[in-house]
């Protein structure tokens, strides 16, 4: 699970760097506009990272708790609905 978490963190960081670079080179607006877009992108990145961490915690709980197969199936279905 820790390997998966590390991979997800690297993926989020790489995506953020790519988006920042794209924004910087594609927009010819002012520095103030770029800073605003950068701040929005960083907030979006943080939201995605938090959501991934929460989902991973749920998966870890499902895997480590002693559940019957029907309870496990119900929890997986609940995750899919989110």
PDB file of N, CA and C in Angstrom:
ATOM      1  N   UNK A   1       0.815  -1.196   0.000  1.00  0.00           N
ATOM      2  CA  UNK A   1       0.000   0.000   0.000  1.00  0.00           C
ATOM      3  C   UNK A   1       0.860   1.262   0.000  1.00  0.00           C
ATOM      4  N   UNK A   2       1.973   1.222   0.716  1.00  0.00           N
ATOM      5  CA  UNK A   2       2.836   2.405   0.755  1.00  0.00           C
ATOM      6  C   UNK A   2       3.417   2.695  -0.626  1.00  0.00           C
ATOM      7  N   UNK A   3       3.703   1.623  -1.395  1.00  0.00           N
ATOM      8  CA  UNK A   3       4.223   1.816  -2.738  1.00  0.00           C
ATOM      9  C   UNK A   3       3.185   2.505  -3.622  1.00  0.00           C
ATOM     10  N   UNK A   4       1.932   2.087  -3.465  1.00  0.00           N
ATOM     11  CA  UNK A   4       0.847   2.696  -4.229  1.00  0.00           C
ATOM     12  C   UNK A   4       0.701   4.167  -3.857  1.00  0.00           C
ATOM     13  N   UNK A   5       0.763   4.462  -2.574  1.00  0.00           N
ATOM     14  CA  UNK A   5       0.648   5.847  -2.108  1.00  0.00           C
ATOM     15  C   UNK A   5       1.786   6.691  -2.682  1.00  0.00           C
ATOM     16  N   UNK A   6       3.008   6.153  -2.655  1.00  0.00           N
ATOM     17  CA  UNK A   6       4.147   6.873  -3.219  1.00  0.00           C
ATOM     18  C   UNK A   6       3.963   7.142  -4.699  1.00  0.00           C
ATOM     19  N   UNK A   7       3.458   6.134  -5.417  1.00  0.00           N
ATOM     20  CA  UNK A   7       3.220   6.299  -6.853  1.00  0.00           C
ATOM     21  C   UNK A   7       2.183   7.381  -7.107  1.00  0.00           C
ATOM     22  N   UNK A   8       1.106   7.385  -6.327  1.00  0.00           N
ATOM     23  CA  UNK A   8       0.060   8.386  -6.502  1.00  0.00           C
ATOM     24  C   UNK A   8       0.571   9.792  -6.224  1.00  0.00           C
ATOM     25  N   UNK A   9       1.388   9.929  -5.206  1.00  0.00           N
ATOM     26  CA  UNK A   9       1.960  11.247  -4.878  1.00  0.00           C
ATOM     27  C   UNK A   9       2.846  11.730  -6.022  1.00  0.00           C
ATOM     28  N   UNK A  10       3.692  10.844  -6.552  1.00  0.00           N
ATOM     29  CA  UNK A  10       4.561  11.213  -7.677  1.00  0.00           C
ATOM     30  C   UNK A  10       3.730  11.588  -8.894  1.00  0.00           C
ATOM     31  N   UNK A  11       2.658  10.847  -9.133  1.00  0.00           N
ATOM     32  CA  UNK A  11       1.779  11.134 -10.268  1.00  0.00           C
ATOM     33  C   UNK A  11       1.126  12.508 -10.131  1.00  0.00           C
ATOM     34  N   UNK A  12       0.650  12.824  -8.942  1.00  0.00           N
ATOM     35  CA  UNK A  12       0.018  14.134  -8.714  1.00  0.00           C
ATOM     36  C   UNK A  12       1.037  15.251  -8.891  1.00  0.00           C
ATOM     37  N   UNK A  13       2.236  15.068  -8.378  1.00  0.00           N
ATOM     38  CA  UNK A  13       3.282  16.095  -8.510  1.00  0.00           C
ATOM     39  C   UNK A  13       3.674  16.281  -9.967  1.00  0.00           C
ATOM     40  N   UNK A  14       3.857  15.171 -10.688  1.00  0.00           N
ATOM     41  CA  UNK A  14       4.235  15.261 -12.099  1.00  0.00           C
ATOM     42  C   UNK A  14       3.154  15.967 -12.912  1.00  0.00           C
ATOM     43  N   UNK A  15       1.907  15.655 -12.628  1.00  0.00           N
ATOM     44  CA  UNK A  15       0.798  16.300 -13.333  1.00  0.00           C
ATOM     45  C   UNK A  15       0.777  17.800 -13.038  1.00  0.00           C
ATOM     46  N   UNK A  16       1.010  18.144 -11.801  1.00  0.00           N
ATOM     47  CA  UNK A  16       1.029  19.559 -11.419  1.00  0.00           C
ATOM     48  C   UNK A  16       2.149  20.309 -12.130  1.00  0.00           C
ATOM     49  N   UNK A  17       3.331  19.721 -12.162  1.00  0.00           N
ATOM     50  CA  UNK A  17       4.463  20.361 -12.845  1.00  0.00           C
ATOM     51  C   UNK A  17       4.152  20.550 -14.325  1.00  0.00           C
ATOM     52  N   UNK A  18       3.565  19.520 -14.942  1.00  0.00           N
ATOM     53  CA  UNK A  18       3.209  19.622 -16.353  1.00  0.00           C
ATOM     54  C   UNK A  18       2.209  20.748 -16.584  1.00  0.00           C
ATOM     55  N   UNK A  19       1.172  20.819 -15.738  1.00  0.00           N
ATOM     56  CA  UNK A  19       0.154  21.851 -15.914  1.00  0.00           C
ATOM     57  C   UNK A  19       0.728  23.249 -15.703  1.00  0.00           C
ATOM     58  N   UNK A  20       1.602  23.387 -14.702  1.00  0.00           N
ATOM     59  CA  UNK A  20       2.217  24.690 -14.444  1.00  0.00           C
ATOM     60  C   UNK A  20       3.058  25.119 -15.638  1.00  0.00           C
ATOM     61  N   UNK A  21       3.845  24.192 -16.156  1.00  0.00           N
ATOM     62  CA  UNK A  21       4.684  24.500 -17.314  1.00  0.00           C
ATOM     63  C   UNK A  21       3.827  24.871 -18.519  1.00  0.00           C
ATOM     64  N   UNK A  22       2.745  24.127 -18.739  1.00  0.00           N
ATOM     65  CA  UNK A  22       1.844  24.427 -19.848  1.00  0.00           C
ATOM     66  C   UNK A  22       1.223  25.809 -19.692  1.00  0.00           C
ATOM     67  N   UNK A  23       0.765  26.113 -18.477  1.00  0.00           N
ATOM     68  CA  UNK A  23       0.165  27.423 -18.235  1.00  0.00           C
ATOM     69  C   UNK A  23       1.164  28.546 -18.482  1.00  0.00           C
ATOM     70  N   UNK A  24       2.371  28.345 -18.026  1.00  0.00           N
ATOM     71  CA  UNK A  24       3.391  29.385 -18.140  1.00  0.00           C
ATOM     72  C   UNK A  24       3.716  29.682 -19.596  1.00  0.00           C
ATOM     73  N   UNK A  25       3.768  28.636 -20.409  1.00  0.00           N
ATOM     74  CA  UNK A  25       4.167  28.826 -21.799  1.00  0.00           C
ATOM     75  C   UNK A  25       3.003  29.124 -22.736  1.00  0.00           C
ATOM     76  N   UNK A  26       1.793  28.771 -22.360  1.00  0.00           N
ATOM     77  CA  UNK A  26       0.660  28.987 -23.260  1.00  0.00           C
ATOM     78  C   UNK A  26      -0.014  30.337 -23.043  1.00  0.00           C
ATOM     79  N   UNK A  27       0.087  30.881 -21.872  1.00  0.00           N
ATOM     80  CA  UNK A  27      -0.579  32.153 -21.578  1.00  0.00           C
ATOM     81  C   UNK A  27       0.411  33.299 -21.751  1.00  0.00           C
ATOM     82  N   UNK A  28      -0.067  34.329 -22.418  1.00  0.00           N
ATOM     83  CA  UNK A  28       0.775  35.496 -22.612  1.00  0.00           C
ATOM     84  C   UNK A  28       0.268  36.656 -21.758  1.00  0.00           C
ATOM     85  N   UNK A  29      -0.516  36.313 -20.735  1.00  0.00           N
ATOM     86  CA  UNK A  29      -1.074  37.329 -19.845  1.00  0.00           C
ATOM     87  C   UNK A  29      -0.029  37.847 -18.865  1.00  0.00           C
ATOM     88  N   UNK A  30      -0.498  38.616 -17.953  1.00  0.00           N
ATOM     89  CA  UNK A  30       0.400  39.234 -16.986  1.00  0.00           C
ATOM     90  C   UNK A  30       0.864  38.221 -15.946  1.00  0.00           C
ATOM     91  N   UNK A  31       1.861  38.624 -15.220  1.00  0.00           N
ATOM     92  CA  UNK A  31       2.394  37.796 -14.141  1.00  0.00           C
ATOM     93  C   UNK A  31       1.331  37.569 -13.064  1.00  0.00           C
ATOM     94  N   UNK A  32       0.500  38.570 -12.849  1.00  0.00           N
ATOM     95  CA  UNK A  32      -0.560  38.478 -11.844  1.00  0.00           C
ATOM     96  C   UNK A  32      -1.570  37.395 -12.239  1.00  0.00           C
ATOM     97  N   UNK A  33      -1.924  37.345 -13.526  1.00  0.00           N
ATOM     98  CA  UNK A  33      -2.852  36.324 -14.008  1.00  0.00           C
ATOM     99  C   UNK A  33      -2.239  34.933 -13.853  1.00  0.00           C
ATOM    100  N   UNK A  34      -0.956  34.826 -14.174  1.00  0.00           N
ATOM    101  CA  UNK A  34      -0.281  33.533 -14.050  1.00  0.00           C
ATOM    102  C   UNK A  34      -0.265  33.076 -12.596  1.00  0.00           C
ATOM    103  N   UNK A  35       0.029  33.978 -11.690  1.00  0.00           N
ATOM    104  CA  UNK A  35       0.059  33.631 -10.270  1.00  0.00           C
ATOM    105  C   UNK A  35      -1.316  33.172  -9.795  1.00  0.00           C
ATOM    106  N   UNK A  36      -2.367  33.816 -10.292  1.00  0.00           N
ATOM    107  CA  UNK A  36      -3.729  33.416  -9.930  1.00  0.00           C
ATOM    108  C   UNK A  36      -4.031  32.011 -10.460  1.00  0.00           C
ATOM    109  N   UNK A  37      -3.680  31.751 -11.720  1.00  0.00           N
ATOM    110  CA  UNK A  37      -3.913  30.423 -12.293  1.00  0.00           C
ATOM    111  C   UNK A  37      -3.085  29.365 -11.571  1.00  0.00           C
ATOM    112  N   UNK A  38      -1.862  29.730 -11.208  1.00  0.00           N
ATOM    113  CA  UNK A  38      -0.991  28.810 -10.476  1.00  0.00           C
ATOM    114  C   UNK A  38      -1.595  28.470  -9.117  1.00  0.00           C
ATOM    115  N   UNK A  39      -2.097  29.466  -8.423  1.00  0.00           N
ATOM    116  CA  UNK A  39      -2.722  29.237  -7.115  1.00  0.00           C
ATOM    117  C   UNK A  39      -3.927  28.313  -7.260  1.00  0.00           C
ATOM    118  N   UNK A  40      -4.747  28.522  -8.291  1.00  0.00           N
ATOM    119  CA  UNK A  40      -5.898  27.647  -8.527  1.00  0.00           C
ATOM    120  C   UNK A  40      -5.447  26.218  -8.813  1.00  0.00           C
ATOM    121  N   UNK A  41      -4.396  26.079  -9.596  1.00  0.00           N
ATOM    122  CA  UNK A  41      -3.882  24.749  -9.943  1.00  0.00           C
ATOM    123  C   UNK A  41      -3.348  24.030  -8.703  1.00  0.00           C
ATOM    124  N   UNK A  42      -2.690  24.767  -7.831  1.00  0.00           N
ATOM    125  CA  UNK A  42      -2.158  24.162  -6.607  1.00  0.00           C
ATOM    126  C   UNK A  42      -3.284  23.731  -5.667  1.00  0.00           C
ATOM    127  N   UNK A  43      -4.337  24.519  -5.589  1.00  0.00           N
ATOM    128  CA  UNK A  43      -5.492  24.139  -4.779  1.00  0.00           C
ATOM    129  C   UNK A  43      -6.121  22.868  -5.357  1.00  0.00           C
ATOM    130  N   UNK A  44      -6.248  22.820  -6.681  1.00  0.00           N
ATOM    131  CA  UNK A  44      -6.793  21.634  -7.340  1.00  0.00           C
ATOM    132  C   UNK A  44      -5.931  20.411  -7.053  1.00  0.00           C
ATOM    133  N   UNK A  45      -4.615  20.578  -7.106  1.00  0.00           N
ATOM    134  CA  UNK A  45      -3.696  19.479  -6.819  1.00  0.00           C
ATOM    135  C   UNK A  45      -3.858  18.992  -5.389  1.00  0.00           C
ATOM    136  N   UNK A  46      -3.964  19.922  -4.457  1.00  0.00           N
ATOM    137  CA  UNK A  46      -4.139  19.554  -3.051  1.00  0.00           C
ATOM    138  C   UNK A  46      -5.452  18.800  -2.833  1.00  0.00           C
ATOM    139  N   UNK A  47      -6.514  19.271  -3.499  1.00  0.00           N
ATOM    140  CA  UNK A  47      -7.807  18.594  -3.377  1.00  0.00           C
ATOM    141  C   UNK A  47      -7.722  17.162  -3.904  1.00  0.00           C
ATOM    142  N   UNK A  48      -7.074  16.987  -5.050  1.00  0.00           N
ATOM    143  CA  UNK A  48      -6.932  15.645  -5.626  1.00  0.00           C
ATOM    144  C   UNK A  48      -6.090  14.751  -4.729  1.00  0.00           C
ATOM    145  N   UNK A  49      -5.000  15.288  -4.194  1.00  0.00           N
ATOM    146  CA  UNK A  49      -4.138  14.497  -3.311  1.00  0.00           C
ATOM    147  C   UNK A  49      -4.895  14.090  -2.049  1.00  0.00           C
ATOM    148  N   UNK A  50      -5.662  14.996  -1.489  1.00  0.00           N
ATOM    149  CA  UNK A  50      -6.455  14.674  -0.292  1.00  0.00           C
ATOM    150  C   UNK A  50      -7.500  13.607  -0.585  1.00  0.00           C
ATOM    151  N   UNK A  51      -8.144  13.715  -1.732  1.00  0.00           N
ATOM    152  CA  UNK A  51      -9.145  12.709  -2.108  1.00  0.00           C
ATOM    153  C   UNK A  51      -8.494  11.339  -2.291  1.00  0.00           C
ATOM    154  N   UNK A  52      -7.321  11.311  -2.929  1.00  0.00           N
ATOM    155  CA  UNK A  52      -6.615  10.045  -3.119  1.00  0.00           C
ATOM    156  C   UNK A  52      -6.188   9.441  -1.785  1.00  0.00           C
ATOM    157  N   UNK A  53      -5.706  10.277  -0.883  1.00  0.00           N
ATOM    158  CA  UNK A  53      -5.303   9.784   0.439  1.00  0.00           C
ATOM    159  C   UNK A  53      -6.493   9.198   1.194  1.00  0.00           C
ATOM    160  N   UNK A  54      -7.636   9.870   1.111  1.00  0.00           N
ATOM    161  CA  UNK A  54      -8.831   9.383   1.798  1.00  0.00           C
ATOM    162  C   UNK A  54      -9.286   8.048   1.215  1.00  0.00           C
ATOM    163  N   UNK A  55      -9.279   7.941  -0.094  1.00  0.00           N
ATOM    164  CA  UNK A  55      -9.675   6.679  -0.730  1.00  0.00           C
ATOM    165  C   UNK A  55      -8.713   5.558  -0.363  1.00  0.00           C
ATOM    166  N   UNK A  56      -7.429   5.878  -0.299  1.00  0.00           N
ATOM    167  CA  UNK A  56      -6.445   4.865   0.068  1.00  0.00           C
ATOM    168  C   UNK A  56      -6.653   4.414   1.512  1.00  0.00           C
ATOM    169  N   UNK A  57      -6.981   5.348   2.412  1.00  0.00           N
ATOM    170  CA  UNK A  57      -7.266   4.970   3.800  1.00  0.00           C
ATOM    171  C   UNK A  57      -8.455   4.013   3.876  1.00  0.00           C
ATOM    172  N   UNK A  58      -9.473   4.288   3.073  1.00  0.00           N
ATOM    173  CA  UNK A  58     -10.649   3.417   3.057  1.00  0.00           C
ATOM    174  C   UNK A  58     -10.271   2.030   2.542  1.00  0.00           C
ATOM    175  N   UNK A  59      -9.484   1.985   1.474  1.00  0.00           N
ATOM    176  CA  UNK A  59      -9.060   0.694   0.927  1.00  0.00           C
ATOM    177  C   UNK A  59      -8.217  -0.065   1.952  1.00  0.00           C
ATOM    178  N   UNK A  60      -7.305   0.630   2.618  1.00  0.00           N
ATOM    179  CA  UNK A  60      -6.488  -0.021   3.650  1.00  0.00           C
ATOM    180  C   UNK A  60      -7.366  -0.583   4.761  1.00  0.00           C
ATOM    181  N   UNK A  61      -8.375   0.190   5.161  1.00  0.00           N
ATOM    182  CA  UNK A  61      -9.278  -0.279   6.218  1.00  0.00           C
ATOM    183  C   UNK A  61     -10.026  -1.521   5.765  1.00  0.00           C
ATOM    184  N   UNK A  62     -10.511  -1.503   4.536  1.00  0.00           N
ATOM    185  CA  UNK A  62     -11.239  -2.658   4.012  1.00  0.00           C
ATOM    186  C   UNK A  62     -10.344  -3.890   3.997  1.00  0.00           C
ATOM    187  N   UNK A  63      -9.113  -3.712   3.568  1.00  0.00           N
ATOM    188  CA  UNK A  63      -8.192  -4.847   3.447  1.00  0.00           C
ATOM    189  C   UNK A  63      -7.789  -5.374   4.816  1.00  0.00           C
ATOM    190  N   UNK A  64      -7.583  -4.498   5.767  1.00  0.00           N
ATOM    191  CA  UNK A  64      -7.051  -4.930   7.063  1.00  0.00           C
ATOM    192  C   UNK A  64      -8.112  -5.356   8.070  1.00  0.00           C
ATOM    193  N   UNK A  65      -9.339  -4.876   7.913  1.00  0.00           N
ATOM    194  CA  UNK A  65     -10.401  -5.272   8.842  1.00  0.00           C
ATOM    195  C   UNK A  65     -10.895  -6.672   8.503  1.00  0.00           C
ATOM    196  N   UNK A  66     -11.380  -7.355   9.506  1.00  0.00           N
ATOM    197  CA  UNK A  66     -11.958  -8.681   9.296  1.00  0.00           C
ATOM    198  C   UNK A  66     -13.426  -8.526   8.952  1.00  0.00           C
ATOM    199  N   UNK A  67     -13.709  -8.535   7.674  1.00  0.00           N
ATOM    200  CA  UNK A  67     -15.082  -8.404   7.200  1.00  0.00           C
ATOM    201  C   UNK A  67     -15.511  -9.696   6.536  1.00  0.00           C
ATOM    202  N   UNK A  68     -16.804  -9.926   6.577  1.00  0.00           N
ATOM    203  CA  UNK A  68     -17.331 -11.023   5.779  1.00  0.00           C
ATOM    204  C   UNK A  68     -17.332 -10.579   4.321  1.00  0.00           C
ATOM    205  N   UNK A  69     -17.420 -11.512   3.423  1.00  0.00           N
ATOM    206  CA  UNK A  69     -17.361 -11.157   2.005  1.00  0.00           C
ATOM    207  C   UNK A  69     -18.526 -10.262   1.586  1.00  0.00           C
ATOM    208  N   UNK A  70     -19.690 -10.426   2.204  1.00  0.00           N
ATOM    209  CA  UNK A  70     -20.828  -9.579   1.830  1.00  0.00           C
ATOM    210  C   UNK A  70     -20.609  -8.139   2.292  1.00  0.00           C
ATOM    211  N   UNK A  71     -20.048  -7.948   3.471  1.00  0.00           N
ATOM    212  CA  UNK A  71     -19.757  -6.599   3.961  1.00  0.00           C
ATOM    213  C   UNK A  71     -18.689  -5.951   3.081  1.00  0.00           C
ATOM    214  N   UNK A  72     -17.673  -6.709   2.731  1.00  0.00           N
ATOM    215  CA  UNK A  72     -16.608  -6.201   1.854  1.00  0.00           C
ATOM    216  C   UNK A  72     -17.192  -5.782   0.510  1.00  0.00           C
ATOM    217  N   UNK A  73     -18.058  -6.586  -0.039  1.00  0.00           N
ATOM    218  CA  UNK A  73     -18.706  -6.272  -1.309  1.00  0.00           C
ATOM    219  C   UNK A  73     -19.521  -4.986  -1.203  1.00  0.00           C
ATOM    220  N   UNK A  74     -20.239  -4.814  -0.104  1.00  0.00           N
ATOM    221  CA  UNK A  74     -21.029  -3.589   0.105  1.00  0.00           C
ATOM    222  C   UNK A  74     -20.137  -2.363   0.200  1.00  0.00           C
ATOM    223  N   UNK A  75     -19.014  -2.479   0.895  1.00  0.00           N
ATOM    224  CA  UNK A  75     -18.107  -1.325   1.027  1.00  0.00           C
ATOM    225  C   UNK A  75     -17.483  -0.975  -0.321  1.00  0.00           C
ATOM    226  N   UNK A  76     -17.130  -1.960  -1.109  1.00  0.00           N
ATOM    227  CA  UNK A  76     -16.565  -1.692  -2.434  1.00  0.00           C
ATOM    228  C   UNK A  76     -17.616  -0.992  -3.306  1.00  0.00           C
ATOM    229  N   UNK A  77     -18.851  -1.451  -3.247  1.00  0.00           N
ATOM    230  CA  UNK A  77     -19.933  -0.810  -3.998  1.00  0.00           C
ATOM    231  C   UNK A  77     -20.119   0.640  -3.552  1.00  0.00           C
ATOM    232  N   UNK A  78     -20.032   0.902  -2.252  1.00  0.00           N
ATOM    233  CA  UNK A  78     -20.152   2.283  -1.739  1.00  0.00           C
ATOM    234  C   UNK A  78     -19.026   3.160  -2.263  1.00  0.00           C
ATOM    235  N   UNK A  79     -17.815   2.613  -2.357  1.00  0.00           N
ATOM    236  CA  UNK A  79     -16.693   3.384  -2.881  1.00  0.00           C
ATOM    237  C   UNK A  79     -16.905   3.728  -4.354  1.00  0.00           C
ATOM    238  N   UNK A  80     -17.431   2.782  -5.108  1.00  0.00           N
ATOM    239  CA  UNK A  80     -17.670   3.016  -6.529  1.00  0.00           C
ATOM    240  C   UNK A  80     -18.679   4.119  -6.744  1.00  0.00           C
ATOM    241  N   UNK A  81     -19.631   4.253  -5.835  1.00  0.00           N
ATOM    242  CA  UNK A  81     -20.668   5.278  -5.962  1.00  0.00           C
ATOM    243  C   UNK A  81     -20.121   6.680  -5.721  1.00  0.00           C
ATOM    244  N   UNK A  82     -19.028   6.800  -4.977  1.00  0.00           N
ATOM    245  CA  UNK A  82     -18.457   8.132  -4.685  1.00  0.00           C
ATOM    246  C   UNK A  82     -17.810   8.628  -5.895  1.00  0.00           C
TER     247      UNK A  82
END
